[in-house]
Protein backbone atom coordinates (compact mmCIF):
# COMPACT_ATOMS: atom_id res chain seq x y z
CA UNK A 1 14.20 -26.38 32.71
CA UNK A 2 17.36 -28.40 33.31
CA UNK A 3 19.44 -28.62 30.15
CA UNK A 4 20.28 -32.24 30.99
CA UNK A 5 16.57 -33.03 30.49
CA UNK A 6 15.90 -30.67 27.60
CA UNK A 7 16.05 -31.43 23.88
CA UNK A 8 18.36 -28.90 22.22
CA UNK A 9 20.30 -30.46 19.33
CA UNK A 10 22.98 -27.93 18.41
CA UNK A 11 25.08 -28.05 15.24
CA UNK A 12 28.77 -27.13 15.34
CA UNK A 13 29.18 -26.65 11.61
CA UNK A 14 27.34 -24.16 9.43
CA UNK A 15 24.85 -26.06 7.22
CA UNK A 16 25.73 -25.80 3.54
CA UNK A 17 22.13 -25.25 2.46
CA UNK A 18 21.62 -22.21 4.71
CA UNK A 19 22.18 -19.02 2.71
CA UNK A 20 21.14 -16.33 5.19
CA UNK A 21 22.02 -15.64 8.82
CA UNK A 22 18.66 -16.57 10.32
CA UNK A 23 18.52 -19.91 8.51
CA UNK A 24 22.06 -20.79 9.61
CA UNK A 25 21.46 -19.81 13.23
CA UNK A 26 18.04 -21.44 13.50
CA UNK A 27 19.57 -24.74 12.37
CA UNK A 28 22.73 -24.42 14.46
CA UNK A 29 20.84 -23.37 17.61
CA UNK A 30 18.39 -26.26 17.30
CA UNK A 31 15.24 -24.23 16.62
CA UNK A 32 14.15 -26.10 13.49
CA UNK A 33 14.95 -29.08 11.27
CA UNK A 34 14.00 -29.33 7.60
CA UNK A 35 11.60 -32.16 6.68
CA UNK A 36 11.21 -31.39 2.96
CA UNK A 37 11.61 -28.36 0.69
CA UNK A 38 10.27 -25.32 2.53
CA UNK A 39 8.75 -27.40 5.36
CA UNK A 40 10.26 -27.48 8.84
CA UNK A 41 9.75 -29.20 12.18
CA UNK A 42 9.85 -26.75 15.10
CA UNK A 43 12.02 -28.10 17.91
CA UNK A 44 11.50 -27.09 21.58
CA UNK A 45 13.63 -23.92 21.54
CA UNK A 46 12.03 -22.68 18.32
CA UNK A 47 8.55 -23.63 19.49
CA UNK A 48 9.03 -21.52 22.63
CA UNK A 49 9.98 -18.46 20.56
CA UNK A 50 7.04 -19.08 18.23
CA UNK A 51 4.71 -19.20 21.25
CA UNK A 52 6.12 -15.92 22.64
CA UNK A 53 5.59 -14.15 19.32
CA UNK A 54 2.13 -15.65 18.95
CA UNK A 55 1.28 -14.42 22.46
CA UNK A 56 2.27 -10.83 21.69
CA UNK A 57 0.33 -10.88 18.42
CA UNK A 58 -2.74 -12.25 20.22
CA UNK A 59 -2.56 -9.69 23.03
CA UNK A 60 -2.36 -6.76 20.61
CA UNK A 61 -5.18 -8.09 18.41
CA UNK A 62 -7.37 -8.49 21.49
CA UNK A 63 -6.41 -5.03 22.73
CA UNK A 64 -7.47 -3.54 19.39
CA UNK A 65 -10.89 -5.21 19.66
CA UNK A 66 -10.44 -8.22 17.36
CA UNK A 67 -12.07 -11.53 18.37
CA UNK A 68 -10.25 -14.84 17.96
CA UNK A 69 -11.63 -17.81 16.01
CA UNK A 70 -9.96 -20.85 14.44
CA UNK A 71 -10.66 -21.90 10.88
CA UNK A 72 -9.61 -25.19 9.25
CA UNK A 73 -6.53 -25.51 7.09
CA UNK A 74 -8.39 -27.47 4.37
CA UNK A 75 -10.97 -25.51 2.38
CA UNK A 76 -13.53 -26.36 -0.29
CA UNK A 77 -12.62 -25.33 -3.83
CA UNK A 78 -16.25 -24.27 -4.27
CA UNK A 79 -15.73 -21.30 -1.93
CA UNK A 80 -12.92 -20.02 -4.10
CA UNK A 81 -14.95 -20.53 -7.26
CA UNK A 82 -17.70 -18.38 -5.75
CA UNK A 83 -15.26 -15.53 -5.22
CA UNK A 84 -13.63 -16.01 -8.63
CA UNK A 85 -10.16 -16.66 -7.20
CA UNK A 86 -9.81 -20.42 -7.66
CA UNK A 87 -8.32 -20.23 -11.14
CA UNK A 88 -6.75 -16.80 -10.67
CA UNK A 89 -4.64 -17.66 -7.62
CA UNK A 90 -2.07 -19.67 -9.52
CA UNK A 91 0.13 -22.72 -8.89
CA UNK A 92 1.05 -21.57 -5.36
CA UNK A 93 -2.28 -23.06 -4.25
CA UNK A 94 -2.04 -26.73 -3.30
CA UNK A 95 -5.13 -28.37 -4.79
CA UNK A 96 -6.40 -31.66 -3.34
CA UNK A 97 -9.05 -34.21 -4.29
CA UNK A 98 -10.48 -36.25 -1.41
CA UNK A 99 -11.67 -39.87 -1.56
CA UNK A 100 -15.14 -38.73 -2.67
CA UNK A 101 -13.66 -36.76 -5.58
CA UNK A 102 -14.46 -33.44 -3.91
CA UNK A 103 -12.04 -30.71 -4.85
CA UNK A 104 -10.32 -29.20 -1.82
CA UNK A 105 -7.29 -27.01 -1.19
CA UNK A 106 -4.80 -26.31 1.57
CA UNK A 107 -5.64 -22.73 2.46
CA UNK A 108 -3.12 -20.05 1.50
CA UNK A 109 -5.44 -17.41 3.01
CA UNK A 110 -8.98 -17.24 4.41
CA UNK A 111 -10.97 -14.37 2.86
CA UNK A 112 -13.52 -16.71 1.29
CA UNK A 113 -14.05 -18.88 4.36
CA UNK A 114 -14.41 -16.04 6.86
CA UNK A 115 -16.77 -14.20 4.52
CA UNK A 116 -19.10 -17.20 4.30
CA UNK A 117 -18.96 -17.71 8.07
CA UNK A 118 -19.97 -14.09 8.49
CA UNK A 119 -22.64 -14.34 5.76
CA UNK A 120 -24.28 -17.33 7.44
CA UNK A 121 -24.26 -15.97 11.00
CA UNK A 122 -24.51 -12.15 11.00
CA UNK A 123 -27.72 -10.54 9.72
CA UNK A 124 -27.90 -7.03 11.19
CA UNK A 125 -25.74 -3.92 11.13
CA UNK A 126 -26.11 -3.89 14.93
CA UNK A 127 -23.44 -6.64 15.11
CA UNK A 128 -20.92 -4.30 13.44
CA UNK A 129 -18.12 -3.35 13.55
CA UNK A 130 -16.65 -6.83 13.78
CA UNK A 131 -13.07 -8.04 13.39
CA UNK A 132 -12.36 -11.79 13.49
CA UNK A 133 -8.85 -13.23 13.53
CA UNK A 134 -7.10 -16.53 13.85
CA UNK A 135 -3.53 -17.82 14.08
CA UNK A 136 -3.23 -20.80 11.78
CA UNK A 137 -0.81 -22.77 9.61
CA UNK A 138 -1.05 -22.06 5.89
CA UNK A 139 0.52 -23.48 2.76
CA UNK A 140 1.69 -21.82 -0.44
CA UNK A 141 3.55 -23.97 -2.94
CA UNK A 142 6.45 -21.60 -3.59
CA UNK A 143 8.32 -22.49 -6.77
CA UNK A 144 11.65 -21.90 -5.01
CA UNK A 145 11.30 -22.10 -1.22
CA UNK A 146 14.45 -20.65 0.30
CA UNK A 147 15.95 -18.83 3.28
CA UNK A 148 14.53 -21.27 5.82
CA UNK A 149 11.27 -20.14 7.43
CA UNK A 150 11.68 -16.72 5.83
CA UNK A 151 10.20 -18.06 2.58
CA UNK A 152 8.92 -21.54 3.29
CA UNK A 153 5.91 -23.35 1.89
CA UNK A 154 4.22 -24.02 5.24
CA UNK A 155 4.02 -21.10 7.66
CA UNK A 156 2.18 -19.83 10.72
CA UNK A 157 0.18 -16.68 10.10
CA UNK A 158 -2.16 -14.37 11.95
CA UNK A 159 -4.89 -13.18 9.65
CA UNK A 160 -7.71 -10.88 10.72
CA UNK A 161 -10.79 -9.81 8.78
CA UNK A 162 -12.89 -6.72 9.47
CA UNK A 163 -16.56 -6.26 8.59
CA UNK A 164 -18.18 -2.82 8.56
CA UNK A 165 -21.36 -1.11 7.40
CA UNK A 166 -19.68 1.42 5.11
CA UNK A 167 -16.36 2.62 3.72
CA UNK A 168 -15.76 5.19 6.45
CA UNK A 169 -16.18 2.59 9.20
CA UNK A 170 -14.00 0.12 7.27
CA UNK A 171 -11.19 2.64 7.08
CA UNK A 172 -11.45 3.18 10.83
CA UNK A 173 -10.97 -0.57 11.26
CA UNK A 174 -7.96 -0.39 8.95
CA UNK A 175 -6.42 2.36 11.07
CA UNK A 176 -6.95 0.36 14.28
CA UNK A 177 -5.01 -2.55 12.80
CA UNK A 178 -2.33 -0.18 11.52
CA UNK A 179 -1.68 1.00 15.09
CA UNK A 180 -1.94 -2.52 16.51
CA UNK A 181 0.82 -3.56 14.10
CA UNK A 182 3.08 -0.72 15.19
CA UNK A 183 2.67 -1.82 18.81
CA UNK A 184 3.08 -5.52 18.02
CA UNK A 185 6.45 -5.14 16.32
CA UNK A 186 7.73 -2.60 18.85
CA UNK A 187 7.03 -5.07 21.67
CA UNK A 188 9.29 -7.55 19.87
CA UNK A 189 12.15 -5.07 19.87
CA UNK A 190 11.73 -4.25 16.18
CA UNK A 191 11.58 -0.95 14.31
CA UNK A 192 8.78 -1.25 11.76
CA UNK A 193 8.20 1.05 8.82
CA UNK A 194 4.73 1.11 7.20
CA UNK A 195 4.89 1.42 3.42
CA UNK A 196 2.18 1.77 0.79
CA UNK A 197 2.02 -1.50 -1.10
CA UNK A 198 0.53 -3.34 -4.05
CA UNK A 199 -2.60 -5.31 -3.13
CA UNK A 200 -1.70 -8.33 -5.29
CA UNK A 201 -4.12 -11.30 -5.42
CA UNK A 202 -5.84 -10.24 -2.17
CA UNK A 203 -7.41 -7.31 -4.02
CA UNK A 204 -8.60 -3.82 -3.11
CA UNK A 205 -7.18 -0.32 -3.42
CA UNK A 206 -5.55 0.37 -0.04
CA UNK A 207 -2.67 -1.61 1.39
CA UNK A 208 0.42 -1.20 3.59
CA UNK A 209 3.35 -3.48 4.21
CA UNK A 210 5.18 -3.34 7.53
CA UNK A 211 8.92 -3.60 6.99
CA UNK A 212 11.42 -4.15 9.79
CA UNK A 213 14.94 -2.88 9.32
CA UNK A 214 17.73 -5.45 9.22
CA UNK A 215 21.16 -5.28 7.60
CA UNK A 216 20.53 -8.61 5.89
CA UNK A 217 16.99 -7.73 4.76
CA UNK A 218 15.65 -8.89 1.40
CA UNK A 219 14.41 -5.48 0.20
CA UNK A 220 16.00 -2.07 -0.20
CA UNK A 221 14.09 0.49 1.85
CA UNK A 222 13.92 4.25 1.31
CA UNK A 223 12.22 6.27 4.00
CA UNK A 224 12.01 9.42 6.08
CA UNK A 225 14.07 9.18 9.29
CA UNK A 226 11.13 10.37 11.39
CA UNK A 227 9.26 7.19 10.48
CA UNK A 228 11.92 5.14 12.28
CA UNK A 229 12.36 7.43 15.26
CA UNK A 230 8.67 8.24 15.85
CA UNK A 231 7.42 6.84 19.18
CA UNK A 232 4.87 4.03 18.99
CA UNK A 233 1.48 4.47 20.72
CA UNK A 234 1.67 3.03 24.25
CA UNK A 235 -0.39 0.38 25.98
CA UNK A 236 -2.84 3.05 27.14
CA UNK A 237 -3.64 4.17 23.58
CA UNK A 238 -7.37 4.77 23.21
CA UNK A 239 -8.53 2.73 20.23
CA UNK A 240 -12.00 4.17 20.65
CA UNK A 241 -10.61 7.64 20.06
CA UNK A 242 -9.52 9.08 16.74
CA UNK A 243 -6.75 6.97 15.19
CA UNK A 244 -6.70 9.01 12.00
CA UNK A 245 -4.06 11.51 13.11
CA UNK A 246 -1.63 8.81 14.25
CA UNK A 247 -1.89 6.91 10.96
CA UNK A 248 -1.88 10.06 8.81
CA UNK A 249 1.31 11.26 10.49
CA UNK A 250 3.13 8.11 9.37
CA UNK A 251 1.60 7.65 5.94
CA UNK A 252 2.31 11.25 4.96
CA UNK A 253 6.07 10.69 5.28
CA UNK A 254 7.94 9.21 2.33
CA UNK A 255 8.51 5.45 2.50
CA UNK A 256 9.08 2.92 -0.28
CA UNK A 257 10.83 -0.30 -1.17
CA UNK A 258 12.97 -0.72 -4.27
CA UNK A 259 9.97 -1.95 -6.28
CA UNK A 260 8.00 1.25 -5.65
CA UNK A 261 10.82 3.76 -5.17
CA UNK A 262 10.25 7.31 -6.36
CA UNK A 263 13.74 8.78 -6.63
CA UNK A 264 12.45 12.33 -7.05
CA UNK A 265 10.28 12.16 -3.95
CA UNK A 266 13.23 10.73 -1.96
CA UNK A 267 16.02 13.80 -3.48
CA UNK A 268 13.14 16.14 -2.25
CA UNK A 269 13.62 15.03 1.43
CA UNK A 270 16.16 16.98 3.53
CA UNK A 271 19.47 15.14 3.34
CA UNK A 272 19.59 14.45 7.07
CA UNK A 273 16.12 12.85 6.89
CA UNK A 274 16.89 10.32 4.12
CA UNK A 275 17.36 6.72 5.25
CA UNK A 276 18.40 3.94 2.89
CA UNK A 277 18.45 0.54 4.55
CA UNK A 278 17.58 -3.12 4.11
CA UNK A 279 14.26 -4.47 5.30
CA UNK A 280 12.04 -7.54 5.70
CA UNK A 281 8.27 -7.60 5.27
CA UNK A 282 6.57 -9.06 8.37
CA UNK A 283 3.01 -7.77 8.04
CA UNK A 284 0.56 -6.69 5.34
CA UNK A 285 -2.84 -5.02 5.70
CA UNK A 286 -5.55 -4.47 3.08
CA UNK A 287 -8.85 -2.62 2.70
CA UNK A 288 -10.78 -4.07 -0.25
CA UNK A 289 -14.37 -2.96 0.20
CA UNK A 290 -16.90 -5.40 -1.25
CA UNK A 291 -14.46 -7.52 -3.32
CA UNK A 292 -15.45 -10.67 -1.38
CA UNK A 293 -18.77 -9.70 0.18
CA UNK A 294 -20.33 -9.03 -3.24
CA UNK A 295 -19.67 -12.39 -4.95
CA UNK A 296 -20.27 -14.32 -1.74
CA UNK A 297 -23.40 -12.40 -0.76
CA UNK A 298 -22.28 -11.14 2.67
CA UNK A 299 -25.00 -8.63 3.53
CA UNK A 300 -26.61 -7.22 6.65
CA UNK A 301 -29.85 -5.36 7.20
CA UNK A 302 -28.95 -1.68 7.45
CA UNK A 303 -30.55 0.98 9.72
CA UNK A 304 -33.33 1.48 7.16
CA UNK A 305 -34.04 -2.24 6.90
CA UNK A 306 -32.51 -2.62 3.45
CA UNK A 307 -29.69 -5.10 2.83
CA UNK A 308 -26.20 -3.63 2.57
CA UNK A 309 -23.03 -5.36 1.38
CA UNK A 310 -20.43 -5.24 4.15
CA UNK A 311 -17.10 -3.50 3.60
CA UNK A 312 -14.08 -5.64 4.46
CA UNK A 313 -10.37 -5.56 5.15
CA UNK A 314 -7.77 -8.24 5.92
CA UNK A 315 -4.65 -8.03 8.04
CA UNK A 316 -1.80 -10.54 8.04
CA UNK A 317 1.28 -11.06 10.22
CA UNK A 318 3.85 -13.74 9.41
CA UNK A 319 4.27 -15.28 12.87
CA UNK A 320 6.78 -17.96 11.88
CA UNK A 321 8.57 -15.53 9.53
CA UNK A 322 9.02 -13.16 12.48
CA UNK A 323 11.27 -15.68 14.23
CA UNK A 324 13.72 -15.44 11.34
CA UNK A 325 13.23 -11.69 10.91
CA UNK A 326 14.07 -11.01 14.55
CA UNK A 327 17.27 -13.03 14.21
CA UNK A 328 18.20 -11.14 11.03
CA UNK A 329 17.77 -7.89 12.97
CA UNK A 330 19.39 -9.10 16.21
CA UNK A 331 22.47 -11.31 16.07
CA UNK A 332 26.25 -11.11 16.28
CA UNK A 333 29.21 -13.27 15.30
CA UNK A 334 28.55 -15.64 18.20
CA UNK A 335 24.88 -16.31 17.58
CA UNK A 336 21.37 -15.07 18.20
CA UNK A 337 20.64 -12.11 20.50
CA UNK A 338 16.98 -12.42 21.52
CA UNK A 339 14.98 -9.42 22.71
CA UNK A 340 13.68 -10.24 26.19
CA UNK A 341 10.04 -10.28 25.08
CA UNK A 342 10.48 -13.21 22.69
CA UNK A 343 13.41 -15.15 24.19
CA UNK A 344 12.73 -18.87 24.70
CA UNK A 345 13.89 -18.55 28.32
CA UNK A 346 14.34 -15.47 30.49
CA UNK A 347 17.91 -16.34 31.37
CA UNK A 348 20.54 -19.07 31.39
CA UNK A 349 21.92 -20.37 34.69
CA UNK A 350 25.36 -21.85 33.99
CA UNK A 351 26.91 -24.25 36.50
CA UNK A 352 30.64 -24.23 35.77
CA UNK A 353 31.38 -27.30 37.95
CA UNK A 354 28.51 -29.77 38.37
CA UNK A 355 29.31 -32.14 41.21
CA UNK A 356 30.92 -29.45 43.36
CA UNK A 357 28.72 -29.29 46.46
CA UNK A 358 28.79 -25.51 46.97
CA UNK A 359 28.23 -24.77 43.27
CA UNK A 360 25.37 -27.27 43.00
CA UNK A 361 23.76 -25.89 46.15
CA UNK A 362 23.97 -22.26 44.96
CA UNK A 363 22.60 -23.15 41.53
CA UNK A 364 19.77 -25.18 43.07
CA UNK A 365 18.80 -22.22 45.25
CA UNK A 366 18.89 -19.74 42.36
CA UNK A 367 16.93 -22.09 40.10
CA UNK A 368 14.32 -22.75 42.80
CA UNK A 369 13.80 -19.13 43.85
CA UNK A 370 13.70 -17.66 40.36
CA UNK A 371 11.27 -20.38 39.31
CA UNK A 372 9.05 -19.52 42.27
CA UNK A 373 9.18 -15.87 41.16
CA UNK A 374 7.83 -16.85 37.74
CA UNK A 375 11.06 -16.60 35.78
CA UNK A 376 11.73 -19.17 33.07
CA UNK A 377 15.30 -20.39 33.61
CA UNK A 378 17.36 -22.72 31.43
CA UNK A 379 19.74 -24.37 33.90
CA UNK A 380 22.89 -25.77 32.28
CA UNK A 381 23.66 -28.60 34.69
CA UNK A 382 25.56 -30.67 32.10
CA UNK A 383 29.13 -31.94 32.31
CA UNK A 384 30.22 -30.15 29.12
CA UNK A 385 33.52 -28.28 29.26
CA UNK A 386 33.27 -24.62 30.24
CA UNK A 387 34.14 -23.26 26.78
CA UNK A 388 31.41 -25.36 25.17
CA UNK A 389 28.88 -24.14 27.73
CA UNK A 390 29.65 -20.49 27.00
CA UNK A 391 29.59 -21.05 23.23
CA UNK A 392 26.21 -22.80 23.43
CA UNK A 393 24.67 -20.07 25.57
CA UNK A 394 25.93 -17.36 23.22
CA UNK A 395 24.61 -19.31 20.23
CA UNK A 396 21.06 -19.70 21.56
CA UNK A 397 21.09 -16.05 22.58
CA UNK A 398 19.19 -15.82 25.88
CA UNK A 399 19.24 -12.20 27.11
CA UNK A 400 21.10 -12.96 30.36
CA UNK A 401 23.58 -15.51 31.64
CA UNK A 402 24.01 -16.07 35.36
CA UNK A 403 27.33 -17.88 35.79
CA UNK A 404 28.13 -19.82 38.96
CA UNK A 405 31.53 -21.36 39.70
CA UNK A 406 33.65 -22.41 42.70
CA UNK A 407 36.11 -19.50 42.46
CA UNK A 408 33.41 -16.85 42.50
CA UNK A 409 31.43 -18.56 45.24
CA UNK A 410 34.54 -18.66 47.43
CA UNK A 411 34.21 -14.86 47.48
CA UNK A 412 30.42 -15.04 47.80
CA UNK A 413 29.89 -13.92 44.19
CA UNK A 414 28.30 -15.01 40.92
CA UNK A 415 28.72 -13.40 37.51
CA UNK A 416 25.97 -11.85 35.35
CA UNK A 417 26.50 -11.43 31.61
CA UNK A 418 24.35 -9.24 29.36
CA UNK A 419 24.21 -11.16 26.07
CA UNK A 420 23.52 -8.06 23.95
CA UNK A 421 26.34 -5.85 25.20
CA UNK A 422 28.67 -8.52 26.55
CA UNK A 423 28.99 -6.54 29.77
CA UNK A 424 29.69 -8.56 32.91
CA UNK A 425 29.29 -7.79 36.59
CA UNK A 426 29.68 -9.70 39.83
CA UNK A 427 26.90 -9.87 42.42
CA UNK A 428 26.17 -11.77 45.58
CA UNK A 429 23.82 -14.71 45.20
CA UNK A 430 21.11 -12.74 47.01
CA UNK A 431 21.57 -9.70 44.75
CA UNK A 432 21.49 -11.85 41.61
CA UNK A 433 18.24 -13.48 42.69
CA UNK A 434 16.80 -10.05 43.49
CA UNK A 435 17.88 -8.71 40.10
CA UNK A 436 15.97 -11.33 38.13
CA UNK A 437 13.08 -12.18 40.47
CA UNK A 438 10.97 -9.25 39.28
CA UNK A 439 9.51 -10.05 35.87
CA UNK A 440 9.46 -7.06 33.49
CA UNK A 441 6.12 -5.65 32.38
CA UNK A 442 4.88 -6.38 28.87
């Protein structure tokens, strides 16, 4: 993509309303623009990051055996009355009356809807286990939306729902999602810590939050160091095998946020194993048995022919929140520092002197050949001054900058900058193309 043809409205000044790093940088780097309180338009750069994150989430859900669907954003209030949650959910639910005086709502979550879909279509235990997920916009009318997309009213979420014949099978489904979450966040360059959590209005008696560590995180985190340093199951992990040991290893180690902190259990850890840090919740998983299947009548015929209420769990990931969370965990004084897996472009190609024949020709060749190799290049072909070009590229945070100018080309060289470390090296044009032509594996 040529920058001269791209829409990337940068801001030079720090917006007064932005209180945290991610909100400031998302506005300054042209990822989002606020439309009303807690509601944002996603501009091209932000939309690209959102799509990268969504892609990783989808791949890991599919790998774990979940099946994608898409449910509507508007739901009938009658569904929520059946489950008993319509009045209990609170003012965060946006209630709507349509032109026929039917009571509707903008879905804050989808337990009721997915349960009725299952109830109306699945009749036998032979269809189980089943895990259905979707990636959909949701709305919760936060009383004080703040921190940009970190705590907005409208947000993109992945929510999955498992259906099983009994509690043992349901807990196996829970463990599969637990491992899928570890892999999902690791692929985004994040260290995630699973922590036992309150189930809240979702319900049930088993729940874990996934917290990523960031210096500017909203919660105080107390955990065992091994939880952070423990390797994540690889792409070849056998989900059909026993996941219990992998999950048990992590849940047996002490981990808590400030709301659930047990000081005695934390003084009990060896001193060199205690970690106190800041963190941001990016995922939440629940096992709640028959909380929704019972009131909504979601049953299947069991092996003996008798009807059995299905056991359920739900599993959420804040897709749009992850954009902000990654920035909170990965930035410096100059701007965003994207992990390669979620960067809006693979690299920036910076032409220091547009109009110079040799520089234009070298940039055109690099742009053409890297594009043919499947790399997504943002080519700065604008007439901006050099300092402004460098500042813009550092602000938007692409992992690599390939810098081409007349002086370097006179010696047959271009410069490569690693955005994370700031390290620079000079390479021939051929070597630079070779360096970036091979796309890294997922």
